[in-house]
Amino acid sequence: QRRFPELLQLPPADVQATFAELTAAS
């Protein structure tokens, strides 16, 4: 949330997909 203050305004499934992509990409 500090990195992206609008986090809670995004569709929850999109956030989950992005968290998975963060793991895969890193």
mmCIF file of all heavy atoms, coordinates in Angstrom:
data_MODEL
# 
_entry.id   MODEL 
# 
loop_
_atom_site.group_PDB 
_atom_site.id 
_atom_site.type_symbol 
_atom_site.label_atom_id 
_atom_site.label_alt_id 
_atom_site.label_comp_id 
_atom_site.label_asym_id 
_atom_site.label_entity_id 
_atom_site.label_seq_id 
_atom_site.pdbx_PDB_ins_code 
_atom_site.Cartn_x 
_atom_site.Cartn_y 
_atom_site.Cartn_z 
_atom_site.occupancy 
_atom_site.B_iso_or_equiv 
_atom_site.pdbx_formal_charge 
_atom_site.auth_seq_id 
_atom_site.auth_comp_id 
_atom_site.auth_asym_id 
_atom_site.auth_atom_id 
_atom_site.pdbx_PDB_model_num 
ATOM 1   N N   . GLN A 1 1  ? 0.820   -1.209  0.000   1.00 0.00 ? 1  GLN A N   1 
ATOM 2   C CA  . GLN A 1 1  ? 0.000   0.000   0.000   1.00 0.00 ? 1  GLN A CA  1 
ATOM 3   C C   . GLN A 1 1  ? 0.858   1.264   0.000   1.00 0.00 ? 1  GLN A C   1 
ATOM 4   O O   . GLN A 1 1  ? 0.483   2.272   -0.607  1.00 0.00 ? 1  GLN A O   1 
ATOM 5   C CB  . GLN A 1 1  ? -0.940  -0.002  1.205   1.00 0.00 ? 1  GLN A CB  1 
ATOM 6   C CG  . GLN A 1 1  ? -2.087  -0.987  1.070   1.00 0.00 ? 1  GLN A CG  1 
ATOM 7   C CD  . GLN A 1 1  ? -3.000  -0.958  2.271   1.00 0.00 ? 1  GLN A CD  1 
ATOM 8   O OE1 . GLN A 1 1  ? -2.951  -1.830  3.139   1.00 0.00 ? 1  GLN A OE1 1 
ATOM 9   N NE2 . GLN A 1 1  ? -3.845  0.055   2.332   1.00 0.00 ? 1  GLN A NE2 1 
ATOM 10  N N   . ARG A 1 2  ? 1.993   1.237   0.655   1.00 0.00 ? 2  ARG A N   1 
ATOM 11  C CA  . ARG A 1 2  ? 2.894   2.388   0.602   1.00 0.00 ? 2  ARG A CA  1 
ATOM 12  C C   . ARG A 1 2  ? 3.448   2.577   -0.808  1.00 0.00 ? 2  ARG A C   1 
ATOM 13  O O   . ARG A 1 2  ? 3.594   3.710   -1.286  1.00 0.00 ? 2  ARG A O   1 
ATOM 14  C CB  . ARG A 1 2  ? 4.046   2.212   1.594   1.00 0.00 ? 2  ARG A CB  1 
ATOM 15  C CG  . ARG A 1 2  ? 3.647   2.357   3.054   1.00 0.00 ? 2  ARG A CG  1 
ATOM 16  C CD  . ARG A 1 2  ? 4.865   2.473   3.950   1.00 0.00 ? 2  ARG A CD  1 
ATOM 17  N NE  . ARG A 1 2  ? 5.748   1.319   3.869   1.00 0.00 ? 2  ARG A NE  1 
ATOM 18  C CZ  . ARG A 1 2  ? 5.629   0.240   4.634   1.00 0.00 ? 2  ARG A CZ  1 
ATOM 19  N NH1 . ARG A 1 2  ? 4.648   0.167   5.529   1.00 0.00 ? 2  ARG A NH1 1 
ATOM 20  N NH2 . ARG A 1 2  ? 6.485   -0.764  4.519   1.00 0.00 ? 2  ARG A NH2 1 
ATOM 21  N N   . ARG A 1 3  ? 3.740   1.470   -1.482  1.00 0.00 ? 3  ARG A N   1 
ATOM 22  C CA  . ARG A 1 3  ? 4.257   1.564   -2.838  1.00 0.00 ? 3  ARG A CA  1 
ATOM 23  C C   . ARG A 1 3  ? 3.181   2.017   -3.828  1.00 0.00 ? 3  ARG A C   1 
ATOM 24  O O   . ARG A 1 3  ? 3.486   2.676   -4.825  1.00 0.00 ? 3  ARG A O   1 
ATOM 25  C CB  . ARG A 1 3  ? 4.800   0.196   -3.302  1.00 0.00 ? 3  ARG A CB  1 
ATOM 26  C CG  . ARG A 1 3  ? 5.887   -0.414  -2.460  1.00 0.00 ? 3  ARG A CG  1 
ATOM 27  C CD  . ARG A 1 3  ? 7.216   0.253   -2.556  1.00 0.00 ? 3  ARG A CD  1 
ATOM 28  N NE  . ARG A 1 3  ? 7.657   0.538   -3.914  1.00 0.00 ? 3  ARG A NE  1 
ATOM 29  C CZ  . ARG A 1 3  ? 8.745   1.239   -4.208  1.00 0.00 ? 3  ARG A CZ  1 
ATOM 30  N NH1 . ARG A 1 3  ? 9.480   1.758   -3.233  1.00 0.00 ? 3  ARG A NH1 1 
ATOM 31  N NH2 . ARG A 1 3  ? 9.090   1.466   -5.445  1.00 0.00 ? 3  ARG A NH2 1 
ATOM 32  N N   . PHE A 1 4  ? 1.913   1.640   -3.553  1.00 0.00 ? 4  PHE A N   1 
ATOM 33  C CA  . PHE A 1 4  ? 0.814   1.930   -4.486  1.00 0.00 ? 4  PHE A CA  1 
ATOM 34  C C   . PHE A 1 4  ? -0.430  2.275   -3.663  1.00 0.00 ? 4  PHE A C   1 
ATOM 35  O O   . PHE A 1 4  ? -1.230  1.407   -3.323  1.00 0.00 ? 4  PHE A O   1 
ATOM 36  C CB  . PHE A 1 4  ? 0.546   0.711   -5.386  1.00 0.00 ? 4  PHE A CB  1 
ATOM 37  C CG  . PHE A 1 4  ? -0.303  1.016   -6.584  1.00 0.00 ? 4  PHE A CG  1 
ATOM 38  C CD1 . PHE A 1 4  ? 0.265   1.504   -7.748  1.00 0.00 ? 4  PHE A CD1 1 
ATOM 39  C CD2 . PHE A 1 4  ? -1.678  0.794   -6.552  1.00 0.00 ? 4  PHE A CD2 1 
ATOM 40  C CE1 . PHE A 1 4  ? -0.518  1.766   -8.874  1.00 0.00 ? 4  PHE A CE1 1 
ATOM 41  C CE2 . PHE A 1 4  ? -2.466  1.057   -7.663  1.00 0.00 ? 4  PHE A CE2 1 
ATOM 42  C CZ  . PHE A 1 4  ? -1.880  1.553   -8.833  1.00 0.00 ? 4  PHE A CZ  1 
ATOM 43  N N   . PRO A 1 5  ? -0.611  3.539   -3.275  1.00 0.00 ? 5  PRO A N   1 
ATOM 44  C CA  . PRO A 1 5  ? -1.698  3.941   -2.366  1.00 0.00 ? 5  PRO A CA  1 
ATOM 45  C C   . PRO A 1 5  ? -3.095  3.587   -2.864  1.00 0.00 ? 5  PRO A C   1 
ATOM 46  O O   . PRO A 1 5  ? -4.025  3.461   -2.058  1.00 0.00 ? 5  PRO A O   1 
ATOM 47  C CB  . PRO A 1 5  ? -1.516  5.457   -2.261  1.00 0.00 ? 5  PRO A CB  1 
ATOM 48  C CG  . PRO A 1 5  ? -0.065  5.690   -2.547  1.00 0.00 ? 5  PRO A CG  1 
ATOM 49  C CD  . PRO A 1 5  ? 0.296   4.674   -3.574  1.00 0.00 ? 5  PRO A CD  1 
ATOM 50  N N   . GLU A 1 6  ? -3.289  3.408   -4.182  1.00 0.00 ? 6  GLU A N   1 
ATOM 51  C CA  . GLU A 1 6  ? -4.612  3.083   -4.716  1.00 0.00 ? 6  GLU A CA  1 
ATOM 52  C C   . GLU A 1 6  ? -4.896  1.584   -4.694  1.00 0.00 ? 6  GLU A C   1 
ATOM 53  O O   . GLU A 1 6  ? -5.882  1.125   -5.294  1.00 0.00 ? 6  GLU A O   1 
ATOM 54  C CB  . GLU A 1 6  ? -4.717  3.588   -6.162  1.00 0.00 ? 6  GLU A CB  1 
ATOM 55  C CG  . GLU A 1 6  ? -4.532  5.080   -6.327  1.00 0.00 ? 6  GLU A CG  1 
ATOM 56  C CD  . GLU A 1 6  ? -3.058  5.480   -6.415  1.00 0.00 ? 6  GLU A CD  1 
ATOM 57  O OE1 . GLU A 1 6  ? -2.198  4.572   -6.525  1.00 0.00 ? 6  GLU A OE1 1 
ATOM 58  O OE2 . GLU A 1 6  ? -2.764  6.693   -6.364  1.00 0.00 ? 6  GLU A OE2 1 
ATOM 59  N N   . LEU A 1 7  ? -4.082  0.816   -4.003  1.00 0.00 ? 7  LEU A N   1 
ATOM 60  C CA  . LEU A 1 7  ? -4.199  -0.642  -4.009  1.00 0.00 ? 7  LEU A CA  1 
ATOM 61  C C   . LEU A 1 7  ? -5.607  -1.131  -3.702  1.00 0.00 ? 7  LEU A C   1 
ATOM 62  O O   . LEU A 1 7  ? -6.157  -1.986  -4.408  1.00 0.00 ? 7  LEU A O   1 
ATOM 63  C CB  . LEU A 1 7  ? -3.218  -1.233  -2.992  1.00 0.00 ? 7  LEU A CB  1 
ATOM 64  C CG  . LEU A 1 7  ? -3.231  -2.758  -2.841  1.00 0.00 ? 7  LEU A CG  1 
ATOM 65  C CD1 . LEU A 1 7  ? -2.569  -3.406  -4.040  1.00 0.00 ? 7  LEU A CD1 1 
ATOM 66  C CD2 . LEU A 1 7  ? -2.521  -3.169  -1.555  1.00 0.00 ? 7  LEU A CD2 1 
ATOM 67  N N   . LEU A 1 8  ? -6.216  -0.591  -2.645  1.00 0.00 ? 8  LEU A N   1 
ATOM 68  C CA  . LEU A 1 8  ? -7.520  -1.090  -2.201  1.00 0.00 ? 8  LEU A CA  1 
ATOM 69  C C   . LEU A 1 8  ? -8.648  -0.700  -3.155  1.00 0.00 ? 8  LEU A C   1 
ATOM 70  O O   . LEU A 1 8  ? -9.770  -1.200  -3.003  1.00 0.00 ? 8  LEU A O   1 
ATOM 71  C CB  . LEU A 1 8  ? -7.827  -0.587  -0.793  1.00 0.00 ? 8  LEU A CB  1 
ATOM 72  C CG  . LEU A 1 8  ? -6.835  -1.012  0.296   1.00 0.00 ? 8  LEU A CG  1 
ATOM 73  C CD1 . LEU A 1 8  ? -7.267  -0.474  1.650   1.00 0.00 ? 8  LEU A CD1 1 
ATOM 74  C CD2 . LEU A 1 8  ? -6.683  -2.527  0.346   1.00 0.00 ? 8  LEU A CD2 1 
ATOM 75  N N   . GLN A 1 9  ? -8.384  0.147   -4.116  1.00 0.00 ? 9  GLN A N   1 
ATOM 76  C CA  . GLN A 1 9  ? -9.402  0.534   -5.084  1.00 0.00 ? 9  GLN A CA  1 
ATOM 77  C C   . GLN A 1 9  ? -9.435  -0.379  -6.305  1.00 0.00 ? 9  GLN A C   1 
ATOM 78  O O   . GLN A 1 9  ? -10.340 -0.283  -7.143  1.00 0.00 ? 9  GLN A O   1 
ATOM 79  C CB  . GLN A 1 9  ? -9.156  1.978   -5.533  1.00 0.00 ? 9  GLN A CB  1 
ATOM 80  C CG  . GLN A 1 9  ? -9.207  2.990   -4.400  1.00 0.00 ? 9  GLN A CG  1 
ATOM 81  C CD  . GLN A 1 9  ? -8.739  4.368   -4.838  1.00 0.00 ? 9  GLN A CD  1 
ATOM 82  O OE1 . GLN A 1 9  ? -8.794  4.706   -6.013  1.00 0.00 ? 9  GLN A OE1 1 
ATOM 83  N NE2 . GLN A 1 9  ? -8.267  5.156   -3.874  1.00 0.00 ? 9  GLN A NE2 1 
ATOM 84  N N   . LEU A 1 10 ? -8.465  -1.283  -6.418  1.00 0.00 ? 10 LEU A N   1 
ATOM 85  C CA  . LEU A 1 10 ? -8.387  -2.181  -7.571  1.00 0.00 ? 10 LEU A CA  1 
ATOM 86  C C   . LEU A 1 10 ? -9.256  -3.419  -7.353  1.00 0.00 ? 10 LEU A C   1 
ATOM 87  O O   . LEU A 1 10 ? -9.515  -3.815  -6.209  1.00 0.00 ? 10 LEU A O   1 
ATOM 88  C CB  . LEU A 1 10 ? -6.936  -2.611  -7.794  1.00 0.00 ? 10 LEU A CB  1 
ATOM 89  C CG  . LEU A 1 10 ? -5.924  -1.499  -8.064  1.00 0.00 ? 10 LEU A CG  1 
ATOM 90  C CD1 . LEU A 1 10 ? -4.533  -2.098  -8.236  1.00 0.00 ? 10 LEU A CD1 1 
ATOM 91  C CD2 . LEU A 1 10 ? -6.315  -0.696  -9.294  1.00 0.00 ? 10 LEU A CD2 1 
ATOM 92  N N   . PRO A 1 11 ? -9.720  -4.068  -8.430  1.00 0.00 ? 11 PRO A N   1 
ATOM 93  C CA  . PRO A 1 11 ? -10.443 -5.335  -8.286  1.00 0.00 ? 11 PRO A CA  1 
ATOM 94  C C   . PRO A 1 11 ? -9.584  -6.346  -7.540  1.00 0.00 ? 11 PRO A C   1 
ATOM 95  O O   . PRO A 1 11 ? -8.410  -6.543  -7.885  1.00 0.00 ? 11 PRO A O   1 
ATOM 96  C CB  . PRO A 1 11 ? -10.692 -5.772  -9.735  1.00 0.00 ? 11 PRO A CB  1 
ATOM 97  C CG  . PRO A 1 11 ? -10.662 -4.501  -10.524 1.00 0.00 ? 11 PRO A CG  1 
ATOM 98  C CD  . PRO A 1 11 ? -9.638  -3.638  -9.845  1.00 0.00 ? 11 PRO A CD  1 
ATOM 99  N N   . PRO A 1 12 ? -10.113 -7.005  -6.511  1.00 0.00 ? 12 PRO A N   1 
ATOM 100 C CA  . PRO A 1 12 ? -9.298  -7.910  -5.694  1.00 0.00 ? 12 PRO A CA  1 
ATOM 101 C C   . PRO A 1 12 ? -8.596  -9.001  -6.499  1.00 0.00 ? 12 PRO A C   1 
ATOM 102 O O   . PRO A 1 12 ? -7.435  -9.326  -6.216  1.00 0.00 ? 12 PRO A O   1 
ATOM 103 C CB  . PRO A 1 12 ? -10.315 -8.501  -4.706  1.00 0.00 ? 12 PRO A CB  1 
ATOM 104 C CG  . PRO A 1 12 ? -11.353 -7.430  -4.572  1.00 0.00 ? 12 PRO A CG  1 
ATOM 105 C CD  . PRO A 1 12 ? -11.463 -6.820  -5.930  1.00 0.00 ? 12 PRO A CD  1 
ATOM 106 N N   . ALA A 1 13 ? -9.269  -9.570  -7.484  1.00 0.00 ? 13 ALA A N   1 
ATOM 107 C CA  . ALA A 1 13 ? -8.626  -10.629 -8.266  1.00 0.00 ? 13 ALA A CA  1 
ATOM 108 C C   . ALA A 1 13 ? -7.448  -10.090 -9.069  1.00 0.00 ? 13 ALA A C   1 
ATOM 109 O O   . ALA A 1 13 ? -6.452  -10.796 -9.272  1.00 0.00 ? 13 ALA A O   1 
ATOM 110 C CB  . ALA A 1 13 ? -9.641  -11.289 -9.199  1.00 0.00 ? 13 ALA A CB  1 
ATOM 111 N N   . ASP A 1 14 ? -7.535  -8.840  -9.521  1.00 0.00 ? 14 ASP A N   1 
ATOM 112 C CA  . ASP A 1 14 ? -6.420  -8.237  -10.254 1.00 0.00 ? 14 ASP A CA  1 
ATOM 113 C C   . ASP A 1 14 ? -5.207  -8.046  -9.341  1.00 0.00 ? 14 ASP A C   1 
ATOM 114 O O   . ASP A 1 14 ? -4.058  -8.235  -9.768  1.00 0.00 ? 14 ASP A O   1 
ATOM 115 C CB  . ASP A 1 14 ? -6.830  -6.892  -10.851 1.00 0.00 ? 14 ASP A CB  1 
ATOM 116 C CG  . ASP A 1 14 ? -7.817  -7.025  -12.000 1.00 0.00 ? 14 ASP A CG  1 
ATOM 117 O OD1 . ASP A 1 14 ? -8.178  -8.179  -12.352 1.00 0.00 ? 14 ASP A OD1 1 
ATOM 118 O OD2 . ASP A 1 14 ? -8.235  -5.990  -12.551 1.00 0.00 ? 14 ASP A OD2 1 
ATOM 119 N N   . VAL A 1 15 ? -5.468  -7.662  -8.102  1.00 0.00 ? 15 VAL A N   1 
ATOM 120 C CA  . VAL A 1 15 ? -4.364  -7.515  -7.145  1.00 0.00 ? 15 VAL A CA  1 
ATOM 121 C C   . VAL A 1 15 ? -3.702  -8.871  -6.906  1.00 0.00 ? 15 VAL A C   1 
ATOM 122 O O   . VAL A 1 15 ? -2.465  -8.984  -6.897  1.00 0.00 ? 15 VAL A O   1 
ATOM 123 C CB  . VAL A 1 15 ? -4.860  -6.911  -5.824  1.00 0.00 ? 15 VAL A CB  1 
ATOM 124 C CG1 . VAL A 1 15 ? -3.736  -6.893  -4.780  1.00 0.00 ? 15 VAL A CG1 1 
ATOM 125 C CG2 . VAL A 1 15 ? -5.393  -5.502  -6.045  1.00 0.00 ? 15 VAL A CG2 1 
ATOM 126 N N   . GLN A 1 16 ? -4.520  -9.907  -6.738  1.00 0.00 ? 16 GLN A N   1 
ATOM 127 C CA  . GLN A 1 16 ? -3.946  -11.242 -6.508  1.00 0.00 ? 16 GLN A CA  1 
ATOM 128 C C   . GLN A 1 16 ? -3.122  -11.696 -7.709  1.00 0.00 ? 16 GLN A C   1 
ATOM 129 O O   . GLN A 1 16 ? -2.027  -12.255 -7.545  1.00 0.00 ? 16 GLN A O   1 
ATOM 130 C CB  . GLN A 1 16 ? -5.061  -12.255 -6.210  1.00 0.00 ? 16 GLN A CB  1 
ATOM 131 C CG  . GLN A 1 16 ? -4.575  -13.627 -5.774  1.00 0.00 ? 16 GLN A CG  1 
ATOM 132 C CD  . GLN A 1 16 ? -4.082  -13.654 -4.339  1.00 0.00 ? 16 GLN A CD  1 
ATOM 133 O OE1 . GLN A 1 16 ? -3.768  -12.621 -3.749  1.00 0.00 ? 16 GLN A OE1 1 
ATOM 134 N NE2 . GLN A 1 16 ? -4.027  -14.842 -3.753  1.00 0.00 ? 16 GLN A NE2 1 
ATOM 135 N N   . ALA A 1 17 ? -3.624  -11.467 -8.905  1.00 0.00 ? 17 ALA A N   1 
ATOM 136 C CA  . ALA A 1 17 ? -2.866  -11.831 -10.105 1.00 0.00 ? 17 ALA A CA  1 
ATOM 137 C C   . ALA A 1 17 ? -1.553  -11.054 -10.172 1.00 0.00 ? 17 ALA A C   1 
ATOM 138 O O   . ALA A 1 17 ? -0.513  -11.596 -10.575 1.00 0.00 ? 17 ALA A O   1 
ATOM 139 C CB  . ALA A 1 17 ? -3.704  -11.564 -11.346 1.00 0.00 ? 17 ALA A CB  1 
ATOM 140 N N   . THR A 1 18 ? -1.591  -9.796  -9.752  1.00 0.00 ? 18 THR A N   1 
ATOM 141 C CA  . THR A 1 18 ? -0.378  -8.973  -9.783  1.00 0.00 ? 18 THR A CA  1 
ATOM 142 C C   . THR A 1 18 ? 0.619   -9.426  -8.734  1.00 0.00 ? 18 THR A C   1 
ATOM 143 O O   . THR A 1 18 ? 1.833   -9.439  -8.975  1.00 0.00 ? 18 THR A O   1 
ATOM 144 C CB  . THR A 1 18 ? -0.739  -7.493  -9.586  1.00 0.00 ? 18 THR A CB  1 
ATOM 145 O OG1 . THR A 1 18 ? -1.744  -7.120  -10.537 1.00 0.00 ? 18 THR A OG1 1 
ATOM 146 C CG2 . THR A 1 18 ? 0.478   -6.605  -9.769  1.00 0.00 ? 18 THR A CG2 1 
ATOM 147 N N   . PHE A 1 19 ? 0.138   -9.817  -7.550  1.00 0.00 ? 19 PHE A N   1 
ATOM 148 C CA  . PHE A 1 19 ? 1.046   -10.340 -6.525  1.00 0.00 ? 19 PHE A CA  1 
ATOM 149 C C   . PHE A 1 19 ? 1.720   -11.619 -7.021  1.00 0.00 ? 19 PHE A C   1 
ATOM 150 O O   . PHE A 1 19 ? 2.919   -11.845 -6.777  1.00 0.00 ? 19 PHE A O   1 
ATOM 151 C CB  . PHE A 1 19 ? 0.290   -10.608 -5.225  1.00 0.00 ? 19 PHE A CB  1 
ATOM 152 C CG  . PHE A 1 19 ? -0.056  -9.381  -4.432  1.00 0.00 ? 19 PHE A CG  1 
ATOM 153 C CD1 . PHE A 1 19 ? -1.052  -9.421  -3.465  1.00 0.00 ? 19 PHE A CD1 1 
ATOM 154 C CD2 . PHE A 1 19 ? 0.614   -8.181  -4.638  1.00 0.00 ? 19 PHE A CD2 1 
ATOM 155 C CE1 . PHE A 1 19 ? -1.377  -8.293  -2.711  1.00 0.00 ? 19 PHE A CE1 1 
ATOM 156 C CE2 . PHE A 1 19 ? 0.297   -7.040  -3.898  1.00 0.00 ? 19 PHE A CE2 1 
ATOM 157 C CZ  . PHE A 1 19 ? -0.703  -7.097  -2.935  1.00 0.00 ? 19 PHE A CZ  1 
ATOM 158 N N   . ALA A 1 20 ? 0.971   -12.486 -7.696  1.00 0.00 ? 20 ALA A N   1 
ATOM 159 C CA  . ALA A 1 20 ? 1.565   -13.701 -8.258  1.00 0.00 ? 20 ALA A CA  1 
ATOM 160 C C   . ALA A 1 20 ? 2.614   -13.348 -9.314  1.00 0.00 ? 20 ALA A C   1 
ATOM 161 O O   . ALA A 1 20 ? 3.696   -13.951 -9.365  1.00 0.00 ? 20 ALA A O   1 
ATOM 162 C CB  . ALA A 1 20 ? 0.485   -14.594 -8.862  1.00 0.00 ? 20 ALA A CB  1 
ATOM 163 N N   . GLU A 1 21 ? 2.288   -12.354 -10.145 1.00 0.00 ? 21 GLU A N   1 
ATOM 164 C CA  . GLU A 1 21 ? 3.232   -11.934 -11.180 1.00 0.00 ? 21 GLU A CA  1 
ATOM 165 C C   . GLU A 1 21 ? 4.483   -11.321 -10.562 1.00 0.00 ? 21 GLU A C   1 
ATOM 166 O O   . GLU A 1 21 ? 5.607   -11.493 -11.084 1.00 0.00 ? 21 GLU A O   1 
ATOM 167 C CB  . GLU A 1 21 ? 2.569   -10.935 -12.121 1.00 0.00 ? 21 GLU A CB  1 
ATOM 168 C CG  . GLU A 1 21 ? 3.360   -10.627 -13.374 1.00 0.00 ? 21 GLU A CG  1 
ATOM 169 C CD  . GLU A 1 21 ? 3.397   -11.774 -14.370 1.00 0.00 ? 21 GLU A CD  1 
ATOM 170 O OE1 . GLU A 1 21 ? 2.663   -12.775 -14.183 1.00 0.00 ? 21 GLU A OE1 1 
ATOM 171 O OE2 . GLU A 1 21 ? 4.177   -11.690 -15.338 1.00 0.00 ? 21 GLU A OE2 1 
ATOM 172 N N   . LEU A 1 22 ? 4.330   -10.605 -9.448  1.00 0.00 ? 22 LEU A N   1 
ATOM 173 C CA  . LEU A 1 22 ? 5.482   -10.046 -8.747  1.00 0.00 ? 22 LEU A CA  1 
ATOM 174 C C   . LEU A 1 22 ? 6.431   -11.155 -8.311  1.00 0.00 ? 22 LEU A C   1 
ATOM 175 O O   . LEU A 1 22 ? 7.652   -11.054 -8.490  1.00 0.00 ? 22 LEU A O   1 
ATOM 176 C CB  . LEU A 1 22 ? 5.016   -9.242  -7.536  1.00 0.00 ? 22 LEU A CB  1 
ATOM 177 C CG  . LEU A 1 22 ? 6.117   -8.736  -6.596  1.00 0.00 ? 22 LEU A CG  1 
ATOM 178 C CD1 . LEU A 1 22 ? 6.972   -7.684  -7.284  1.00 0.00 ? 22 LEU A CD1 1 
ATOM 179 C CD2 . LEU A 1 22 ? 5.505   -8.178  -5.305  1.00 0.00 ? 22 LEU A CD2 1 
ATOM 180 N N   . THR A 1 23 ? 5.880   -12.213 -7.743  1.00 0.00 ? 23 THR A N   1 
ATOM 181 C CA  . THR A 1 23 ? 6.707   -13.347 -7.334  1.00 0.00 ? 23 THR A CA  1 
ATOM 182 C C   . THR A 1 23 ? 7.411   -13.958 -8.532  1.00 0.00 ? 23 THR A C   1 
ATOM 183 O O   . THR A 1 23 ? 8.629   -14.173 -8.523  1.00 0.00 ? 23 THR A O   1 
ATOM 184 C CB  . THR A 1 23 ? 5.850   -14.401 -6.622  1.00 0.00 ? 23 THR A CB  1 
ATOM 185 O OG1 . THR A 1 23 ? 5.356   -13.861 -5.403  1.00 0.00 ? 23 THR A OG1 1 
ATOM 186 C CG2 . THR A 1 23 ? 6.654   -15.654 -6.328  1.00 0.00 ? 23 THR A CG2 1 
ATOM 187 N N   . ALA A 1 24 ? 6.638   -14.244 -9.592  1.00 0.00 ? 24 ALA A N   1 
ATOM 188 C CA  . ALA A 1 24 ? 7.221   -14.880 -10.771 1.00 0.00 ? 24 ALA A CA  1 
ATOM 189 C C   . ALA A 1 24 ? 8.284   -13.993 -11.414 1.00 0.00 ? 24 ALA A C   1 
ATOM 190 O O   . ALA A 1 24 ? 9.368   -14.461 -11.787 1.00 0.00 ? 24 ALA A O   1 
ATOM 191 C CB  . ALA A 1 24 ? 6.121   -15.215 -11.773 1.00 0.00 ? 24 ALA A CB  1 
ATOM 192 N N   . ALA A 1 25 ? 7.994   -12.700 -11.535 1.00 0.00 ? 25 ALA A N   1 
ATOM 193 C CA  . ALA A 1 25 ? 8.920   -11.787 -12.205 1.00 0.00 ? 25 ALA A CA  1 
ATOM 194 C C   . ALA A 1 25 ? 10.208  -11.600 -11.404 1.00 0.00 ? 25 ALA A C   1 
ATOM 195 O O   . ALA A 1 25 ? 11.302  -11.542 -11.974 1.00 0.00 ? 25 ALA A O   1 
ATOM 196 C CB  . ALA A 1 25 ? 8.242   -10.448 -12.439 1.00 0.00 ? 25 ALA A CB  1 
ATOM 197 N N   . SER A 1 26 ? 10.089  -11.495 -10.075 1.00 0.00 ? 26 SER A N   1 
ATOM 198 C CA  . SER A 1 26 ? 11.289  -11.292 -9.254  1.00 0.00 ? 26 SER A CA  1 
ATOM 199 C C   . SER A 1 26 ? 12.159  -12.548 -9.226  1.00 0.00 ? 26 SER A C   1 
ATOM 200 O O   . SER A 1 26 ? 13.392  -12.467 -9.257  1.00 0.00 ? 26 SER A O   1 
ATOM 201 C CB  . SER A 1 26 ? 10.917  -10.835 -7.844  1.00 0.00 ? 26 SER A CB  1 
ATOM 202 O OG  . SER A 1 26 ? 9.998   -11.715 -7.237  1.00 0.00 ? 26 SER A OG  1 
# 
